[in-house]
Amino acid sequence: MTDTPRWLRVREATRVLNVSESTVRRWLSRERLEGLKIGGVVRVDGHSIEKLARTHRYADVREAQGHAAVSRWRRLRSRTG
């Protein structure tokens, strides 16, 4: 991932990390990713994405998948009553 641009939008970061938008925003709020707001748009530091992917890739993906699975289950449950 050495060709990651310096600043990415949240949606772009989700594609690089293969996680949901809410996961990227949660990681930003917990300072696991570095970011800033430019003109009202949140940008994620590409270097922090690379660092997170290198050091925590498998644990973070499992965590994100767990959260996504719970969210999907809740959505399905709410639809079925």
N, C-alpha and C. Protein backbone atom coordinates (compact mmCIF):
# COMPACT_ATOMS: atom_id res chain seq x y z
N MET A 1 0.81 -1.20 0.00
CA MET A 1 0.00 0.00 0.00
C MET A 1 0.85 1.26 0.00
N THR A 2 2.00 1.21 -0.52
CA THR A 2 2.87 2.38 -0.51
C THR A 2 2.39 3.48 -1.43
N ASP A 3 1.45 3.19 -2.31
CA ASP A 3 0.96 4.21 -3.22
C ASP A 3 -0.32 4.88 -2.73
N THR A 4 -0.67 4.73 -1.47
CA THR A 4 -1.85 5.38 -0.90
C THR A 4 -1.66 6.89 -0.93
N PRO A 5 -2.63 7.63 -1.47
CA PRO A 5 -2.51 9.09 -1.49
C PRO A 5 -2.41 9.65 -0.06
N ARG A 6 -1.91 10.86 0.06
CA ARG A 6 -1.70 11.47 1.37
C ARG A 6 -3.01 11.64 2.14
N TRP A 7 -4.04 12.17 1.52
CA TRP A 7 -5.32 12.40 2.20
C TRP A 7 -6.44 11.75 1.39
N LEU A 8 -7.24 10.94 2.06
CA LEU A 8 -8.35 10.26 1.40
C LEU A 8 -9.66 10.66 2.06
N ARG A 9 -10.71 10.63 1.29
CA ARG A 9 -12.05 10.80 1.87
C ARG A 9 -12.39 9.52 2.64
N VAL A 10 -13.36 9.62 3.53
CA VAL A 10 -13.73 8.47 4.35
C VAL A 10 -14.12 7.29 3.47
N ARG A 11 -14.90 7.54 2.44
CA ARG A 11 -15.34 6.45 1.55
C ARG A 11 -14.16 5.78 0.86
N GLU A 12 -13.17 6.56 0.47
CA GLU A 12 -11.97 5.99 -0.16
C GLU A 12 -11.20 5.13 0.86
N ALA A 13 -11.13 5.60 2.09
CA ALA A 13 -10.44 4.84 3.13
C ALA A 13 -11.14 3.50 3.39
N THR A 14 -12.47 3.49 3.29
CA THR A 14 -13.20 2.23 3.50
C THR A 14 -12.82 1.20 2.46
N ARG A 15 -12.60 1.66 1.23
CA ARG A 15 -12.21 0.74 0.15
C ARG A 15 -10.81 0.19 0.37
N VAL A 16 -9.90 1.05 0.82
CA VAL A 16 -8.52 0.62 1.05
C VAL A 16 -8.47 -0.40 2.18
N LEU A 17 -9.20 -0.12 3.27
CA LEU A 17 -9.16 -0.97 4.45
C LEU A 17 -10.16 -2.12 4.41
N ASN A 18 -11.09 -2.06 3.45
CA ASN A 18 -12.13 -3.07 3.32
C ASN A 18 -12.98 -3.18 4.59
N VAL A 19 -13.40 -2.02 5.09
CA VAL A 19 -14.28 -1.95 6.26
C VAL A 19 -15.39 -0.95 5.96
N SER A 20 -16.35 -0.84 6.84
CA SER A 20 -17.48 0.06 6.62
C SER A 20 -17.11 1.51 6.96
N GLU A 21 -17.94 2.41 6.49
CA GLU A 21 -17.74 3.82 6.76
C GLU A 21 -17.83 4.11 8.26
N SER A 22 -18.75 3.45 8.94
CA SER A 22 -18.87 3.68 10.38
C SER A 22 -17.63 3.21 11.13
N THR A 23 -16.99 2.15 10.63
CA THR A 23 -15.75 1.67 11.25
C THR A 23 -14.64 2.70 11.10
N VAL A 24 -14.49 3.26 9.90
CA VAL A 24 -13.47 4.30 9.69
C VAL A 24 -13.74 5.49 10.59
N ARG A 25 -15.00 5.92 10.69
CA ARG A 25 -15.33 7.06 11.55
C ARG A 25 -15.07 6.74 13.03
N ARG A 26 -15.36 5.50 13.43
CA ARG A 26 -15.09 5.09 14.81
C ARG A 26 -13.58 5.11 15.08
N TRP A 27 -12.80 4.60 14.14
CA TRP A 27 -11.35 4.61 14.31
C TRP A 27 -10.81 6.03 14.35
N LEU A 28 -11.42 6.94 13.60
CA LEU A 28 -11.01 8.35 13.66
C LEU A 28 -11.32 8.92 15.04
N SER A 29 -12.51 8.64 15.56
CA SER A 29 -12.88 9.18 16.87
C SER A 29 -12.04 8.59 17.99
N ARG A 30 -11.59 7.35 17.82
CA ARG A 30 -10.74 6.70 18.83
C ARG A 30 -9.25 6.95 18.57
N GLU A 31 -8.97 7.76 17.56
CA GLU A 31 -7.61 8.14 17.17
C GLU A 31 -6.75 6.96 16.74
N ARG A 32 -7.38 5.93 16.22
CA ARG A 32 -6.63 4.82 15.61
C ARG A 32 -6.21 5.22 14.21
N LEU A 33 -6.96 6.16 13.62
CA LEU A 33 -6.61 6.77 12.34
C LEU A 33 -6.51 8.27 12.57
N GLU A 34 -5.62 8.90 11.82
CA GLU A 34 -5.50 10.35 11.90
C GLU A 34 -6.30 10.97 10.77
N GLY A 35 -6.95 12.06 11.08
CA GLY A 35 -7.74 12.74 10.06
C GLY A 35 -7.93 14.19 10.39
N LEU A 36 -8.51 14.90 9.43
CA LEU A 36 -8.84 16.30 9.64
C LEU A 36 -9.99 16.66 8.74
N LYS A 37 -10.56 17.82 9.00
CA LYS A 37 -11.69 18.28 8.23
C LYS A 37 -11.21 19.42 7.33
N ILE A 38 -11.37 19.26 6.03
CA ILE A 38 -10.97 20.28 5.06
C ILE A 38 -12.23 20.72 4.33
N GLY A 39 -12.61 21.98 4.52
CA GLY A 39 -13.80 22.50 3.85
C GLY A 39 -15.06 21.71 4.16
N GLY A 40 -15.18 21.23 5.39
CA GLY A 40 -16.36 20.48 5.80
C GLY A 40 -16.31 19.00 5.43
N VAL A 41 -15.25 18.56 4.76
CA VAL A 41 -15.11 17.16 4.36
C VAL A 41 -14.01 16.51 5.20
N VAL A 42 -14.33 15.39 5.82
CA VAL A 42 -13.34 14.67 6.63
C VAL A 42 -12.38 13.96 5.69
N ARG A 43 -11.09 14.13 5.96
CA ARG A 43 -10.04 13.45 5.20
C ARG A 43 -9.23 12.59 6.15
N VAL A 44 -8.86 11.42 5.68
CA VAL A 44 -8.10 10.46 6.48
C VAL A 44 -6.66 10.45 5.96
N ASP A 45 -5.72 10.48 6.88
CA ASP A 45 -4.30 10.47 6.53
C ASP A 45 -3.92 9.12 5.94
N GLY A 46 -3.41 9.15 4.72
CA GLY A 46 -3.02 7.91 4.04
C GLY A 46 -1.93 7.14 4.76
N HIS A 47 -1.01 7.87 5.40
CA HIS A 47 0.06 7.20 6.13
C HIS A 47 -0.48 6.46 7.36
N SER A 48 -1.49 7.03 8.02
CA SER A 48 -2.06 6.34 9.18
C SER A 48 -2.85 5.11 8.74
N ILE A 49 -3.43 5.16 7.53
CA ILE A 49 -4.11 3.98 6.99
C ILE A 49 -3.10 2.87 6.77
N GLU A 50 -1.97 3.21 6.16
CA GLU A 50 -0.94 2.20 5.92
C GLU A 50 -0.43 1.61 7.23
N LYS A 51 -0.21 2.47 8.20
CA LYS A 51 0.29 2.00 9.50
C LYS A 51 -0.71 1.07 10.17
N LEU A 52 -1.98 1.46 10.17
CA LEU A 52 -3.02 0.63 10.77
C LEU A 52 -3.11 -0.71 10.04
N ALA A 53 -3.06 -0.66 8.73
CA ALA A 53 -3.16 -1.90 7.95
C ALA A 53 -1.99 -2.83 8.24
N ARG A 54 -0.80 -2.28 8.42
CA ARG A 54 0.39 -3.10 8.70
C ARG A 54 0.37 -3.68 10.11
N THR A 55 -0.01 -2.87 11.09
CA THR A 55 0.14 -3.30 12.48
C THR A 55 -1.08 -4.01 13.05
N HIS A 56 -2.25 -3.70 12.55
CA HIS A 56 -3.47 -4.25 13.16
C HIS A 56 -4.41 -4.87 12.14
N ARG A 57 -3.92 -5.20 11.01
CA ARG A 57 -4.79 -5.62 9.90
C ARG A 57 -5.77 -6.71 10.30
N TYR A 58 -5.31 -7.80 10.81
CA TYR A 58 -6.20 -8.93 11.02
C TYR A 58 -7.13 -8.73 12.21
N ALA A 59 -6.64 -8.20 13.30
CA ALA A 59 -7.50 -7.96 14.46
C ALA A 59 -8.56 -6.92 14.14
N ASP A 60 -8.18 -5.84 13.44
CA ASP A 60 -9.14 -4.78 13.12
C ASP A 60 -10.19 -5.26 12.13
N VAL A 61 -9.78 -6.05 11.17
CA VAL A 61 -10.75 -6.56 10.21
C VAL A 61 -11.74 -7.48 10.90
N ARG A 62 -11.25 -8.34 11.80
CA ARG A 62 -12.17 -9.21 12.56
C ARG A 62 -13.13 -8.37 13.39
N GLU A 63 -12.62 -7.31 14.03
CA GLU A 63 -13.48 -6.43 14.84
C GLU A 63 -14.53 -5.77 13.95
N ALA A 64 -14.10 -5.27 12.82
CA ALA A 64 -15.02 -4.60 11.91
C ALA A 64 -16.08 -5.57 11.39
N GLN A 65 -15.66 -6.79 11.05
CA GLN A 65 -16.60 -7.78 10.56
C GLN A 65 -17.60 -8.16 11.65
N GLY A 66 -17.13 -8.21 12.89
CA GLY A 66 -18.04 -8.50 14.00
C GLY A 66 -19.08 -7.42 14.16
N HIS A 67 -18.66 -6.17 14.09
CA HIS A 67 -19.61 -5.06 14.18
C HIS A 67 -20.58 -5.07 13.01
N ALA A 68 -20.07 -5.36 11.82
CA ALA A 68 -20.93 -5.40 10.64
C ALA A 68 -21.95 -6.53 10.76
N ALA A 69 -21.51 -7.67 11.27
CA ALA A 69 -22.43 -8.80 11.43
C ALA A 69 -23.53 -8.47 12.43
N VAL A 70 -23.19 -7.81 13.52
CA VAL A 70 -24.19 -7.41 14.52
C VAL A 70 -25.16 -6.41 13.90
N SER A 71 -24.64 -5.46 13.14
CA SER A 71 -25.51 -4.47 12.51
C SER A 71 -26.46 -5.13 11.53
N ARG A 72 -25.94 -6.07 10.71
CA ARG A 72 -26.81 -6.77 9.76
C ARG A 72 -27.88 -7.56 10.51
N TRP A 73 -27.49 -8.23 11.58
CA TRP A 73 -28.44 -9.02 12.36
C TRP A 73 -29.54 -8.12 12.93
N ARG A 74 -29.16 -6.96 13.46
CA ARG A 74 -30.15 -6.04 14.02
C ARG A 74 -31.11 -5.54 12.95
N ARG A 75 -30.56 -5.23 11.76
CA ARG A 75 -31.43 -4.76 10.66
C ARG A 75 -32.42 -5.85 10.27
N LEU A 76 -31.92 -7.07 10.12
CA LEU A 76 -32.80 -8.18 9.74
C LEU A 76 -33.85 -8.44 10.81
N ARG A 77 -33.43 -8.38 12.05
CA ARG A 77 -34.35 -8.63 13.16
C ARG A 77 -35.45 -7.57 13.21
N SER A 78 -35.06 -6.30 12.97
CA SER A 78 -36.06 -5.23 13.02
C SER A 78 -37.06 -5.35 11.87
N ARG A 79 -36.67 -5.91 10.74
CA ARG A 79 -37.57 -6.08 9.60
C ARG A 79 -38.56 -7.21 9.83
N THR A 80 -38.13 -8.23 10.55
CA THR A 80 -38.98 -9.40 10.74
C THR A 80 -39.88 -9.28 11.97
N GLY A 81 -39.66 -8.26 12.74
CA GLY A 81 -40.53 -8.03 13.89
C GLY A 81 -39.95 -8.49 15.11
